[in-house]
Amino acid sequence: MELRGLPADAPARSRHSRSALIFLIAAIAVALVSMPVLRAVGMVLWPVFVIAWLINLGAAWHLGQWARQQGRPAWAFGLPAALGTVASIVVYVLLALLGPKIAR
C-alpha cells in the first residue's frame, strides 16, 4: 500500500535514519556533558568513552538497517561506522598503555 507516492515501508526507513542521527547526537552529548562532570568529582573518565562507543555502535546498527531497507548491503553504511568506533577504541587503549605516565 502506498500513500501519496511513498512506499509502504517509508516510515520504517525514516525511523532508522532518524534513530541513527539521534544515537550519534546522544553520543556527542554524553561525552561533552559527562567528561567535565566526572573530572570535577575526581572520577575516572573511561566510562564516558565506553558509553559513547556503545551509543555509536547503536548508530552503526541503525545505519546498516537503513541501508538494508534501501536495498543496499548493510555493511555499506554500518561497517564504516562500526570501524570508526573500533578505531577510536584502539587509539584510546594505545594512549592509555603507551602515553605519558603520571608521577605519583
C-alpha atoms as a PDB file:
ATOM      1  CA  MET A   1       0.000   0.000   0.000  1.00  0.00           C
ATOM      2  CA  GLU A   2       1.390   3.368  -0.979  1.00  0.00           C
ATOM      3  CA  LEU A   3       0.354   6.679   0.484  1.00  0.00           C
ATOM      4  CA  ARG A   4       0.936   9.826  -1.554  1.00  0.00           C
ATOM      5  CA  GLY A   5       3.508   8.122  -3.765  1.00  0.00           C
ATOM      6  CA  LEU A   6       5.579   6.815  -0.854  1.00  0.00           C
ATOM      7  CA  PRO A   7       6.456   3.143  -0.485  1.00  0.00           C
ATOM      8  CA  ALA A   8       4.698   1.200   2.254  1.00  0.00           C
ATOM      9  CA  ASP A   9       7.890   0.888   4.322  1.00  0.00           C
ATOM     10  CA  ALA A  10       8.766   4.618   4.187  1.00  0.00           C
ATOM     11  CA  PRO A  11       8.056   5.180   7.921  1.00  0.00           C
ATOM     12  CA  ALA A  12      10.438   2.357   8.839  1.00  0.00           C
ATOM     13  CA  ARG A  13      13.121   3.766   6.551  1.00  0.00           C
ATOM     14  CA  SER A  14      12.890   7.203   8.065  1.00  0.00           C
ATOM     15  CA  ARG A  15      12.764   5.691  11.562  1.00  0.00           C
ATOM     16  CA  HIS A  16      16.162   4.011  11.143  1.00  0.00           C
ATOM     17  CA  SER A  17      17.834   7.077   9.648  1.00  0.00           C
ATOM     18  CA  ARG A  18      16.310   9.256  12.385  1.00  0.00           C
ATOM     19  CA  SER A  19      17.383   6.789  15.083  1.00  0.00           C
ATOM     20  CA  ALA A  20      20.953   6.735  13.757  1.00  0.00           C
ATOM     21  CA  LEU A  21      21.082  10.528  13.904  1.00  0.00           C
ATOM     22  CA  ILE A  22      19.654  10.541  17.436  1.00  0.00           C
ATOM     23  CA  PHE A  23      22.227   7.943  18.538  1.00  0.00           C
ATOM     24  CA  LEU A  24      25.104   9.989  17.101  1.00  0.00           C
ATOM     25  CA  ILE A  25      23.899  13.221  18.720  1.00  0.00           C
ATOM     26  CA  ALA A  26      23.409  11.383  22.020  1.00  0.00           C
ATOM     27  CA  ALA A  27      26.985  10.058  21.915  1.00  0.00           C
ATOM     28  CA  ILE A  28      28.356  13.557  21.420  1.00  0.00           C
ATOM     29  CA  ALA A  29      26.123  15.000  24.152  1.00  0.00           C
ATOM     30  CA  VAL A  30      27.054  12.255  26.634  1.00  0.00           C
ATOM     31  CA  ALA A  31      30.756  12.827  26.065  1.00  0.00           C
ATOM     32  CA  LEU A  32      30.505  16.620  26.265  1.00  0.00           C
ATOM     33  CA  VAL A  33      28.393  16.660  29.416  1.00  0.00           C
ATOM     34  CA  SER A  34      29.810  13.791  31.422  1.00  0.00           C
ATOM     35  CA  MET A  35      33.542  14.396  30.940  1.00  0.00           C
ATOM     36  CA  PRO A  36      33.633  17.709  32.841  1.00  0.00           C
ATOM     37  CA  VAL A  37      31.279  16.328  35.495  1.00  0.00           C
ATOM     38  CA  LEU A  38      33.398  13.233  36.113  1.00  0.00           C
ATOM     39  CA  ARG A  39      36.575  15.291  36.086  1.00  0.00           C
ATOM     40  CA  ALA A  40      35.078  17.732  38.611  1.00  0.00           C
ATOM     41  CA  VAL A  41      34.184  14.983  41.071  1.00  0.00           C
ATOM     42  CA  GLY A  42      37.534  13.237  40.561  1.00  0.00           C
ATOM     43  CA  MET A  43      36.272  10.066  38.907  1.00  0.00           C
ATOM     44  CA  VAL A  44      37.955   8.170  36.093  1.00  0.00           C
ATOM     45  CA  LEU A  45      36.958   9.141  32.569  1.00  0.00           C
ATOM     46  CA  TRP A  46      36.834   5.759  30.819  1.00  0.00           C
ATOM     47  CA  PRO A  47      33.070   5.221  31.442  1.00  0.00           C
ATOM     48  CA  VAL A  48      32.368   8.244  29.242  1.00  0.00           C
ATOM     49  CA  PHE A  49      34.149   6.648  26.323  1.00  0.00           C
ATOM     50  CA  VAL A  50      32.535   3.249  26.854  1.00  0.00           C
ATOM     51  CA  ILE A  51      29.051   4.786  26.863  1.00  0.00           C
ATOM     52  CA  ALA A  52      29.828   6.849  23.760  1.00  0.00           C
ATOM     53  CA  TRP A  53      31.221   3.780  21.975  1.00  0.00           C
ATOM     54  CA  LEU A  54      28.119   1.741  22.776  1.00  0.00           C
ATOM     55  CA  ILE A  55      25.884   4.519  21.510  1.00  0.00           C
ATOM     56  CA  ASN A  56      27.990   4.772  18.321  1.00  0.00           C
ATOM     57  CA  LEU A  57      27.635   1.040  17.748  1.00  0.00           C
ATOM     58  CA  GLY A  58      23.857   1.516  18.057  1.00  0.00           C
ATOM     59  CA  ALA A  59      24.058   4.202  15.396  1.00  0.00           C
ATOM     60  CA  ALA A  60      26.082   1.860  13.176  1.00  0.00           C
ATOM     61  CA  TRP A  61      23.401  -0.805  13.554  1.00  0.00           C
ATOM     62  CA  HIS A  62      20.645   1.659  12.590  1.00  0.00           C
ATOM     63  CA  LEU A  63      22.664   2.833   9.581  1.00  0.00           C
ATOM     64  CA  GLY A  64      23.049  -0.788   8.493  1.00  0.00           C
ATOM     65  CA  GLN A  65      19.315  -1.406   8.804  1.00  0.00           C
ATOM     66  CA  TRP A  66      18.577   1.795   6.883  1.00  0.00           C
ATOM     67  CA  ALA A  67      20.907   0.705   4.066  1.00  0.00           C
ATOM     68  CA  ARG A  68      19.326  -2.765   4.002  1.00  0.00           C
ATOM     69  CA  GLN A  69      15.841  -1.249   3.677  1.00  0.00           C
ATOM     70  CA  GLN A  70      17.033   0.787   0.715  1.00  0.00           C
ATOM     71  CA  GLY A  71      18.182  -2.394  -0.995  1.00  0.00           C
ATOM     72  CA  ARG A  72      21.874  -1.757  -0.338  1.00  0.00           C
ATOM     73  CA  PRO A  73      24.148  -4.100   1.584  1.00  0.00           C
ATOM     74  CA  ALA A  74      24.052  -3.332   5.308  1.00  0.00           C
ATOM     75  CA  TRP A  75      27.830  -3.244   5.549  1.00  0.00           C
ATOM     76  CA  ALA A  76      27.944  -0.271   3.129  1.00  0.00           C
ATOM     77  CA  PHE A  77      26.916   2.114   5.914  1.00  0.00           C
ATOM     78  CA  GLY A  78      27.066   0.105   9.138  1.00  0.00           C
ATOM     79  CA  LEU A  79      30.593  -1.254   8.739  1.00  0.00           C
ATOM     80  CA  PRO A  80      32.363   2.123   8.302  1.00  0.00           C
ATOM     81  CA  ALA A  81      30.532   3.482  11.343  1.00  0.00           C
ATOM     82  CA  ALA A  82      31.463   0.435  13.418  1.00  0.00           C
ATOM     83  CA  LEU A  83      35.081   0.563  12.199  1.00  0.00           C
ATOM     84  CA  GLY A  84      35.310   4.193  13.275  1.00  0.00           C
ATOM     85  CA  THR A  85      34.205   3.185  16.750  1.00  0.00           C
ATOM     86  CA  VAL A  86      36.685   0.301  16.852  1.00  0.00           C
ATOM     87  CA  ALA A  87      39.493   2.568  15.661  1.00  0.00           C
ATOM     88  CA  SER A  88      38.770   5.079  18.428  1.00  0.00           C
ATOM     89  CA  ILE A  89      38.817   2.246  20.992  1.00  0.00           C
ATOM     90  CA  VAL A  90      42.227   1.096  19.724  1.00  0.00           C
ATOM     91  CA  VAL A  91      43.614   4.643  19.874  1.00  0.00           C
ATOM     92  CA  TYR A  92      42.262   5.116  23.403  1.00  0.00           C
ATOM     93  CA  VAL A  93      43.811   1.843  24.611  1.00  0.00           C
ATOM     94  CA  LEU A  94      47.150   2.612  22.954  1.00  0.00           C
ATOM     95  CA  LEU A  95      47.235   6.075  24.509  1.00  0.00           C
ATOM     96  CA  ALA A  96      46.400   4.584  27.896  1.00  0.00           C
ATOM     97  CA  LEU A  97      49.150   1.977  27.590  1.00  0.00           C
ATOM     98  CA  LEU A  98      51.854   3.977  25.828  1.00  0.00           C
ATOM     99  CA  GLY A  99      51.025   7.551  26.794  1.00  0.00           C
ATOM    100  CA  PRO A 100      52.785   9.674  29.392  1.00  0.00           C
ATOM    101  CA  LYS A 101      52.677   8.296  32.918  1.00  0.00           C
ATOM    102  CA  ILE A 102      51.569  10.485  35.804  1.00  0.00           C
ATOM    103  CA  ALA A 103      54.096  10.627  38.643  1.00  0.00           C
ATOM    104  CA  ARG A 104      52.521   9.742  41.978  1.00  0.00           C
END
